[in-house]
Amino acid sequence: MLALVCVVGVRGVVAAPPPAAEAECSLSGVVRYVPDPQRPWRYSRYYVADPKSGALAETVVSLSRRGLKNFRPRENPETVTIDQVDYRFTPETVVIRAGDSVRFTNSDPGLHNVSALGGSELLNVSLLRDSEHIHTFRRAGNARSPVRIGCSLHSQMQAWVFVFDHPFYALTGPDGKFRIEGVPPGEYTLEVVHPAGSLSRSLPVTLTAGEARAIEIQLSPNDKD
């Protein structure tokens, strides 16, 4: 209800100013893979460019808590591209918001297919070389339920599309770094998922008004799903 105040000596009623919003926060950091010689990870050569630093690429980092699904929608939906090249989806992992689209392309000389495996997303198209198909993902999931993409002609090909109903997510680059901005202060669960390696962790995090938090997250074979 709008608060009203009466001003003495002035005819009429003046609306009181709304309370000031709490300053937004940011969360940034790096995700590293800590190997175990007894449990080698065969995918490390694809996602850990520098074994000394352990920086882990293509890791999804997101925040979750009750009420985030009611966050304002994106004004201008975006489109990202996943190519099929050298019999791989490139990149294998993308993060988008509900209503965004993915442009699937084929740079290989042969025929490829793009299929959503399981779930309710209806996607099954074949692509000749230099052709494309744009698919809009309208239903949000979460960090533990991405849309898994495959090629029915080449079973080794796989990709993941993470669809969120809020903007508080990031995907690490080759340096393992991520940054999430504009976060309202409060208590969250930080979800860290590397789908290709079947690695995941959940961490509690509390952000105070105006805080710029920097953290380091380590994943190891102990975090295998």
C-alpha atoms as a PDB file:
ATOM      1  CA  MET A   1       0.000   0.000   0.000  1.00  0.00           C
ATOM      2  CA  LEU A   2       1.362   3.432  -0.921  1.00  0.00           C
ATOM      3  CA  ALA A   3       2.368   5.393   2.182  1.00  0.00           C
ATOM      4  CA  LEU A   4       0.910   8.936   2.393  1.00  0.00           C
ATOM      5  CA  VAL A   5       2.033  11.870   4.493  1.00  0.00           C
ATOM      6  CA  CYS A   6       0.315  15.174   5.126  1.00  0.00           C
ATOM      7  CA  VAL A   7       2.437  18.297   4.680  1.00  0.00           C
ATOM      8  CA  VAL A   8       1.558  21.147   7.073  1.00  0.00           C
ATOM      9  CA  GLY A   9       0.821  24.439   5.352  1.00  0.00           C
ATOM     10  CA  VAL A  10       0.362  22.897   1.914  1.00  0.00           C
ATOM     11  CA  ARG A  11      -3.037  21.979   0.556  1.00  0.00           C
ATOM     12  CA  GLY A  12      -3.326  18.342  -0.503  1.00  0.00           C
ATOM     13  CA  VAL A  13      -1.465  15.171   0.258  1.00  0.00           C
ATOM     14  CA  VAL A  14       2.028  14.297  -0.909  1.00  0.00           C
ATOM     15  CA  ALA A  15       3.179  10.696  -1.507  1.00  0.00           C
ATOM     16  CA  ALA A  16       6.136   9.670   0.608  1.00  0.00           C
ATOM     17  CA  PRO A  17       9.218   8.540  -1.373  1.00  0.00           C
ATOM     18  CA  PRO A  18       9.631   4.766  -1.720  1.00  0.00           C
ATOM     19  CA  PRO A  19      12.231   3.121   0.520  1.00  0.00           C
ATOM     20  CA  ALA A  20      15.697   2.895  -1.008  1.00  0.00           C
ATOM     21  CA  ALA A  21      16.508  -0.475  -2.591  1.00  0.00           C
ATOM     22  CA  GLU A  22      19.365  -2.431  -1.100  1.00  0.00           C
ATOM     23  CA  ALA A  23      22.575  -2.201  -3.117  1.00  0.00           C
ATOM     24  CA  GLU A  24      23.090  -5.109  -5.520  1.00  0.00           C
ATOM     25  CA  CYS A  25      25.947  -7.564  -5.135  1.00  0.00           C
ATOM     26  CA  SER A  26      28.361  -9.419  -7.394  1.00  0.00           C
ATOM     27  CA  LEU A  27      29.917 -12.851  -7.196  1.00  0.00           C
ATOM     28  CA  SER A  28      33.055 -13.734  -9.122  1.00  0.00           C
ATOM     29  CA  GLY A  29      35.837 -16.250  -8.947  1.00  0.00           C
ATOM     30  CA  VAL A  30      37.490 -19.234 -10.534  1.00  0.00           C
ATOM     31  CA  VAL A  31      36.667 -22.942 -10.752  1.00  0.00           C
ATOM     32  CA  ARG A  32      39.608 -25.354 -10.552  1.00  0.00           C
ATOM     33  CA  TYR A  33      39.854 -29.089 -11.044  1.00  0.00           C
ATOM     34  CA  VAL A  34      41.959 -30.928  -8.444  1.00  0.00           C
ATOM     35  CA  PRO A  35      43.068 -34.273  -9.927  1.00  0.00           C
ATOM     36  CA  ASP A  36      43.512 -37.560  -8.134  1.00  0.00           C
ATOM     37  CA  PRO A  37      46.222 -39.818  -9.666  1.00  0.00           C
ATOM     38  CA  GLN A  38      44.264 -42.842  -8.495  1.00  0.00           C
ATOM     39  CA  ARG A  39      41.146 -41.683 -10.322  1.00  0.00           C
ATOM     40  CA  PRO A  40      42.232 -40.083 -13.613  1.00  0.00           C
ATOM     41  CA  TRP A  41      39.683 -37.983 -15.500  1.00  0.00           C
ATOM     42  CA  ARG A  42      39.800 -38.715 -19.216  1.00  0.00           C
ATOM     43  CA  TYR A  43      38.116 -35.434 -20.133  1.00  0.00           C
ATOM     44  CA  SER A  44      40.720 -33.190 -18.487  1.00  0.00           C
ATOM     45  CA  ARG A  45      42.598 -32.692 -21.767  1.00  0.00           C
ATOM     46  CA  TYR A  46      39.528 -30.989 -23.210  1.00  0.00           C
ATOM     47  CA  TYR A  47      38.619 -28.722 -20.290  1.00  0.00           C
ATOM     48  CA  VAL A  48      41.837 -28.126 -18.304  1.00  0.00           C
ATOM     49  CA  ALA A  49      44.206 -26.180 -20.541  1.00  0.00           C
ATOM     50  CA  ASP A  50      46.816 -25.672 -17.804  1.00  0.00           C
ATOM     51  CA  PRO A  51      47.174 -28.654 -15.428  1.00  0.00           C
ATOM     52  CA  LYS A  52      49.220 -26.502 -13.020  1.00  0.00           C
ATOM     53  CA  SER A  53      46.410 -24.023 -12.429  1.00  0.00           C
ATOM     54  CA  GLY A  54      43.610 -26.543 -12.881  1.00  0.00           C
ATOM     55  CA  ALA A  55      41.348 -23.862 -14.375  1.00  0.00           C
ATOM     56  CA  LEU A  56      38.214 -25.689 -15.503  1.00  0.00           C
ATOM     57  CA  ALA A  57      36.421 -24.525 -18.654  1.00  0.00           C
ATOM     58  CA  GLU A  58      32.713 -24.941 -19.472  1.00  0.00           C
ATOM     59  CA  THR A  59      31.582 -25.120 -15.854  1.00  0.00           C
ATOM     60  CA  VAL A  60      28.096 -23.789 -15.109  1.00  0.00           C
ATOM     61  CA  VAL A  61      27.887 -21.597 -12.000  1.00  0.00           C
ATOM     62  CA  SER A  62      24.453 -20.399 -10.864  1.00  0.00           C
ATOM     63  CA  LEU A  63      22.569 -19.131  -7.848  1.00  0.00           C
ATOM     64  CA  SER A  64      19.279 -20.535  -6.623  1.00  0.00           C
ATOM     65  CA  ARG A  65      16.719 -19.692  -3.964  1.00  0.00           C
ATOM     66  CA  ARG A  66      12.960 -19.457  -3.684  1.00  0.00           C
ATOM     67  CA  GLY A  67      11.425 -16.618  -5.673  1.00  0.00           C
ATOM     68  CA  LEU A  68      14.063 -16.233  -8.365  1.00  0.00           C
ATOM     69  CA  LYS A  69      11.707 -17.659 -11.011  1.00  0.00           C
ATOM     70  CA  ASN A  70       9.611 -14.516 -10.617  1.00  0.00           C
ATOM     71  CA  PHE A  71      12.517 -12.308 -11.686  1.00  0.00           C
ATOM     72  CA  ARG A  72      11.730  -9.930 -14.534  1.00  0.00           C
ATOM     73  CA  PRO A  73      12.084 -11.549 -18.000  1.00  0.00           C
ATOM     74  CA  ARG A  74      14.758 -10.541 -20.485  1.00  0.00           C
ATOM     75  CA  GLU A  75      13.559  -7.572 -22.574  1.00  0.00           C
ATOM     76  CA  ASN A  76      15.442  -8.640 -25.696  1.00  0.00           C
ATOM     77  CA  PRO A  77      15.872 -12.419 -26.076  1.00  0.00           C
ATOM     78  CA  GLU A  78      19.311 -13.506 -27.264  1.00  0.00           C
ATOM     79  CA  THR A  79      20.579 -16.174 -29.653  1.00  0.00           C
ATOM     80  CA  VAL A  80      23.744 -18.224 -29.126  1.00  0.00           C
ATOM     81  CA  THR A  81      25.355 -20.604 -31.608  1.00  0.00           C
ATOM     82  CA  ILE A  82      26.349 -24.247 -31.248  1.00  0.00           C
ATOM     83  CA  ASP A  83      28.268 -25.542 -34.268  1.00  0.00           C
ATOM     84  CA  GLN A  84      28.890 -29.138 -35.302  1.00  0.00           C
ATOM     85  CA  VAL A  85      32.518 -29.378 -36.324  1.00  0.00           C
ATOM     86  CA  ASP A  86      34.989 -32.271 -36.286  1.00  0.00           C
ATOM     87  CA  TYR A  87      32.140 -34.455 -35.043  1.00  0.00           C
ATOM     88  CA  ARG A  88      31.706 -32.421 -31.868  1.00  0.00           C
ATOM     89  CA  PHE A  89      29.220 -29.834 -30.702  1.00  0.00           C
ATOM     90  CA  THR A  90      31.147 -26.594 -30.207  1.00  0.00           C
ATOM     91  CA  PRO A  91      30.707 -25.313 -27.584  1.00  0.00           C
ATOM     92  CA  GLU A  92      29.321 -28.321 -25.799  1.00  0.00           C
ATOM     93  CA  THR A  93      27.724 -26.263 -23.037  1.00  0.00           C
ATOM     94  CA  VAL A  94      25.717 -23.038 -23.237  1.00  0.00           C
ATOM     95  CA  VAL A  95      23.710 -21.129 -20.619  1.00  0.00           C
ATOM     96  CA  ILE A  96      20.633 -19.117 -21.609  1.00  0.00           C
ATOM     97  CA  ARG A  97      17.394 -17.700 -20.207  1.00  0.00           C
ATOM     98  CA  ALA A  98      13.932 -18.979 -21.003  1.00  0.00           C
ATOM     99  CA  GLY A  99      12.861 -17.359 -24.282  1.00  0.00           C
ATOM    100  CA  ASP A 100      16.395 -17.284 -25.717  1.00  0.00           C
ATOM    101  CA  SER A 101      17.325 -19.309 -28.791  1.00  0.00           C
ATOM    102  CA  VAL A 102      20.164 -21.539 -29.950  1.00  0.00           C
ATOM    103  CA  ARG A 103      21.331 -21.493 -33.566  1.00  0.00           C
ATOM    104  CA  PHE A 104      22.576 -24.976 -34.471  1.00  0.00           C
ATOM    105  CA  THR A 105      24.925 -25.098 -37.455  1.00  0.00           C
ATOM    106  CA  ASN A 106      26.879 -27.792 -39.296  1.00  0.00           C
ATOM    107  CA  SER A 107      30.424 -27.096 -40.477  1.00  0.00           C
ATOM    108  CA  ASP A 108      31.261 -30.743 -41.194  1.00  0.00           C
ATOM    109  CA  PRO A 109      31.094 -32.182 -44.716  1.00  0.00           C
ATOM    110  CA  GLY A 110      28.594 -34.892 -43.763  1.00  0.00           C
ATOM    111  CA  LEU A 111      25.050 -34.968 -42.467  1.00  0.00           C
ATOM    112  CA  HIS A 112      24.405 -34.321 -38.755  1.00  0.00           C
ATOM    113  CA  ASN A 113      21.361 -34.421 -36.523  1.00  0.00           C
ATOM    114  CA  VAL A 114      20.304 -32.294 -33.541  1.00  0.00           C
ATOM    115  CA  SER A 115      18.012 -33.976 -31.027  1.00  0.00           C
ATOM    116  CA  ALA A 116      16.851 -33.165 -27.521  1.00  0.00           C
ATOM    117  CA  LEU A 117      17.329 -36.363 -25.540  1.00  0.00           C
ATOM    118  CA  GLY A 118      14.628 -36.924 -22.940  1.00  0.00           C
ATOM    119  CA  GLY A 119      12.555 -34.243 -21.265  1.00  0.00           C
ATOM    120  CA  SER A 120       9.776 -32.254 -22.889  1.00  0.00           C
ATOM    121  CA  GLU A 121      11.795 -30.202 -25.413  1.00  0.00           C
ATOM    122  CA  LEU A 122      10.707 -31.123 -28.965  1.00  0.00           C
ATOM    123  CA  LEU A 123      13.805 -30.915 -31.117  1.00  0.00           C
ATOM    124  CA  ASN A 124      14.836 -33.366 -33.828  1.00  0.00           C
ATOM    125  CA  VAL A 125      16.278 -31.954 -37.060  1.00  0.00           C
ATOM    126  CA  SER A 126      18.930 -33.029 -39.568  1.00  0.00           C
ATOM    127  CA  LEU A 127      21.463 -30.551 -40.905  1.00  0.00           C
ATOM    128  CA  LEU A 128      23.456 -30.650 -44.120  1.00  0.00           C
ATOM    129  CA  ARG A 129      26.780 -28.844 -44.346  1.00  0.00           C
ATOM    130  CA  ASP A 130      26.499 -25.057 -43.931  1.00  0.00           C
ATOM    131  CA  SER A 131      22.850 -25.283 -42.924  1.00  0.00           C
ATOM    132  CA  GLU A 132      21.320 -24.097 -39.661  1.00  0.00           C
ATOM    133  CA  HIS A 133      18.310 -24.469 -37.413  1.00  0.00           C
ATOM    134  CA  ILE A 134      17.209 -21.996 -34.726  1.00  0.00           C
ATOM    135  CA  HIS A 135      15.332 -23.349 -31.734  1.00  0.00           C
ATOM    136  CA  THR A 136      13.765 -21.244 -28.973  1.00  0.00           C
ATOM    137  CA  PHE A 137      13.902 -22.702 -25.465  1.00  0.00           C
ATOM    138  CA  ARG A 138      10.825 -21.440 -23.641  1.00  0.00           C
ATOM    139  CA  ARG A 139      10.806 -23.686 -20.556  1.00  0.00           C
ATOM    140  CA  ALA A 140      13.326 -23.072 -17.792  1.00  0.00           C
ATOM    141  CA  GLY A 141      15.004 -25.846 -15.861  1.00  0.00           C
ATOM    142  CA  ASN A 142      17.779 -25.526 -13.313  1.00  0.00           C
ATOM    143  CA  ALA A 143      21.435 -26.373 -12.820  1.00  0.00           C
ATOM    144  CA  ARG A 144      20.619 -30.052 -12.305  1.00  0.00           C
ATOM    145  CA  SER A 145      18.272 -30.448 -15.283  1.00  0.00           C
ATOM    146  CA  PRO A 146      19.810 -29.137 -18.527  1.00  0.00           C
ATOM    147  CA  VAL A 147      18.482 -30.034 -21.956  1.00  0.00           C
ATOM    148  CA  ARG A 148      20.799 -32.749 -23.252  1.00  0.00           C
ATOM    149  CA  ILE A 149      21.519 -32.541 -26.975  1.00  0.00           C
ATOM    150  CA  GLY A 150      22.746 -35.390 -29.167  1.00  0.00           C
ATOM    151  CA  CYS A 151      23.241 -36.410 -32.782  1.00  0.00           C
ATOM    152  CA  SER A 152      21.301 -39.539 -33.717  1.00  0.00           C
ATOM    153  CA  LEU A 153      23.852 -40.260 -36.468  1.00  0.00           C
ATOM    154  CA  HIS A 154      26.944 -40.015 -34.248  1.00  0.00           C
ATOM    155  CA  SER A 155      26.334 -41.208 -30.700  1.00  0.00           C
ATOM    156  CA  GLN A 156      29.598 -39.781 -29.310  1.00  0.00           C
ATOM    157  CA  MET A 157      28.406 -36.203 -29.907  1.00  0.00           C
ATOM    158  CA  GLN A 158      26.771 -34.461 -26.971  1.00  0.00           C
ATOM    159  CA  ALA A 159      25.937 -30.981 -25.728  1.00  0.00           C
ATOM    160  CA  TRP A 160      23.992 -29.362 -22.889  1.00  0.00           C
ATOM    161  CA  VAL A 161      21.711 -26.331 -22.893  1.00  0.00           C
ATOM    162  CA  PHE A 162      21.070 -24.877 -19.426  1.00  0.00           C
ATOM    163  CA  VAL A 163      17.898 -22.761 -19.386  1.00  0.00           C
ATOM    164  CA  PHE A 164      17.321 -20.468 -16.396  1.00  0.00           C
ATOM    165  CA  ASP A 165      14.377 -18.276 -15.383  1.00  0.00           C
ATOM    166  CA  HIS A 166      16.671 -15.633 -13.862  1.00  0.00           C
ATOM    167  CA  PRO A 167      19.952 -13.920 -14.895  1.00  0.00           C
ATOM    168  CA  PHE A 168      22.188 -15.138 -12.062  1.00  0.00           C
ATOM    169  CA  TYR A 169      24.359 -17.670 -13.856  1.00  0.00           C
ATOM    170  CA  ALA A 170      27.676 -17.861 -15.699  1.00  0.00           C
ATOM    171  CA  LEU A 171      29.810 -20.251 -17.734  1.00  0.00           C
ATOM    172  CA  THR A 172      33.533 -20.438 -17.107  1.00  0.00           C
ATOM    173  CA  GLY A 173      35.955 -19.795 -19.947  1.00  0.00           C
ATOM    174  CA  PRO A 174      39.331 -21.492 -20.554  1.00  0.00           C
ATOM    175  CA  ASP A 175      40.715 -19.559 -17.544  1.00  0.00           C
ATOM    176  CA  GLY A 176      38.062 -21.060 -15.265  1.00  0.00           C
ATOM    177  CA  LYS A 177      36.761 -17.612 -14.313  1.00  0.00           C
ATOM    178  CA  PHE A 178      33.164 -16.493 -13.900  1.00  0.00           C
ATOM    179  CA  ARG A 179      31.264 -13.368 -12.815  1.00  0.00           C
ATOM    180  CA  ILE A 180      27.625 -12.866 -11.797  1.00  0.00           C
ATOM    181  CA  GLU A 181      26.426  -9.280 -11.310  1.00  0.00           C
ATOM    182  CA  GLY A 182      23.315  -7.437 -10.182  1.00  0.00           C
ATOM    183  CA  VAL A 183      22.450  -9.970  -7.478  1.00  0.00           C
ATOM    184  CA  PRO A 184      20.018  -8.896  -4.738  1.00  0.00           C
ATOM    185  CA  PRO A 185      21.526  -9.416  -1.269  1.00  0.00           C
ATOM    186  CA  GLY A 186      20.444 -12.509   0.617  1.00  0.00           C
ATOM    187  CA  GLU A 187      21.041 -16.196   1.182  1.00  0.00           C
ATOM    188  CA  TYR A 188      21.556 -18.485  -1.841  1.00  0.00           C
ATOM    189  CA  THR A 189      22.648 -21.928  -2.869  1.00  0.00           C
ATOM    190  CA  LEU A 190      25.566 -21.782  -5.270  1.00  0.00           C
ATOM    191  CA  GLU A 191      25.278 -24.592  -7.825  1.00  0.00           C
ATOM    192  CA  VAL A 192      28.435 -25.655  -9.689  1.00  0.00           C
ATOM    193  CA  VAL A 193      28.025 -28.210 -12.481  1.00  0.00           C
ATOM    194  CA  HIS A 194      30.344 -29.579 -15.135  1.00  0.00           C
ATOM    195  CA  PRO A 195      28.017 -31.749 -17.256  1.00  0.00           C
ATOM    196  CA  ALA A 196      30.635 -33.344 -19.509  1.00  0.00           C
ATOM    197  CA  GLY A 197      32.574 -34.570 -16.511  1.00  0.00           C
ATOM    198  CA  SER A 198      29.496 -35.384 -14.406  1.00  0.00           C
ATOM    199  CA  LEU A 199      30.850 -33.148 -11.636  1.00  0.00           C
ATOM    200  CA  SER A 200      28.697 -31.054  -9.300  1.00  0.00           C
ATOM    201  CA  ARG A 201      28.758 -29.213  -5.965  1.00  0.00           C
ATOM    202  CA  SER A 202      26.276 -27.151  -3.970  1.00  0.00           C
ATOM    203  CA  LEU A 203      27.512 -24.467  -1.580  1.00  0.00           C
ATOM    204  CA  PRO A 204      25.635 -22.010   0.663  1.00  0.00           C
ATOM    205  CA  VAL A 205      26.510 -18.370   0.095  1.00  0.00           C
ATOM    206  CA  THR A 206      25.233 -15.200   1.751  1.00  0.00           C
ATOM    207  CA  LEU A 207      25.689 -11.849   0.025  1.00  0.00           C
ATOM    208  CA  THR A 208      25.314  -8.592   1.933  1.00  0.00           C
ATOM    209  CA  ALA A 209      24.161  -5.332   0.348  1.00  0.00           C
ATOM    210  CA  GLY A 210      26.759  -3.917  -2.038  1.00  0.00           C
ATOM    211  CA  GLU A 211      29.187  -6.792  -1.529  1.00  0.00           C
ATOM    212  CA  ALA A 212      31.579  -7.868  -4.274  1.00  0.00           C
ATOM    213  CA  ARG A 213      32.450 -11.439  -3.281  1.00  0.00           C
ATOM    214  CA  ALA A 214      35.353 -13.326  -4.880  1.00  0.00           C
ATOM    215  CA  ILE A 215      35.686 -17.067  -4.300  1.00  0.00           C
ATOM    216  CA  GLU A 216      37.608 -20.086  -5.519  1.00  0.00           C
ATOM    217  CA  ILE A 217      35.727 -23.327  -6.128  1.00  0.00           C
ATOM    218  CA  GLN A 218      37.466 -26.684  -6.368  1.00  0.00           C
ATOM    219  CA  LEU A 219      36.041 -29.761  -8.043  1.00  0.00           C
ATOM    220  CA  SER A 220      37.580 -33.222  -7.797  1.00  0.00           C
ATOM    221  CA  PRO A 221      36.636 -36.857  -8.395  1.00  0.00           C
ATOM    222  CA  ASN A 222      34.885 -36.655  -5.017  1.00  0.00           C
ATOM    223  CA  ASP A 223      32.286 -34.430  -6.689  1.00  0.00           C
ATOM    224  CA  LYS A 224      31.370 -36.895  -9.394  1.00  0.00           C
ATOM    225  CA  ASP A 225      27.619 -37.439  -9.781  1.00  0.00           C
END
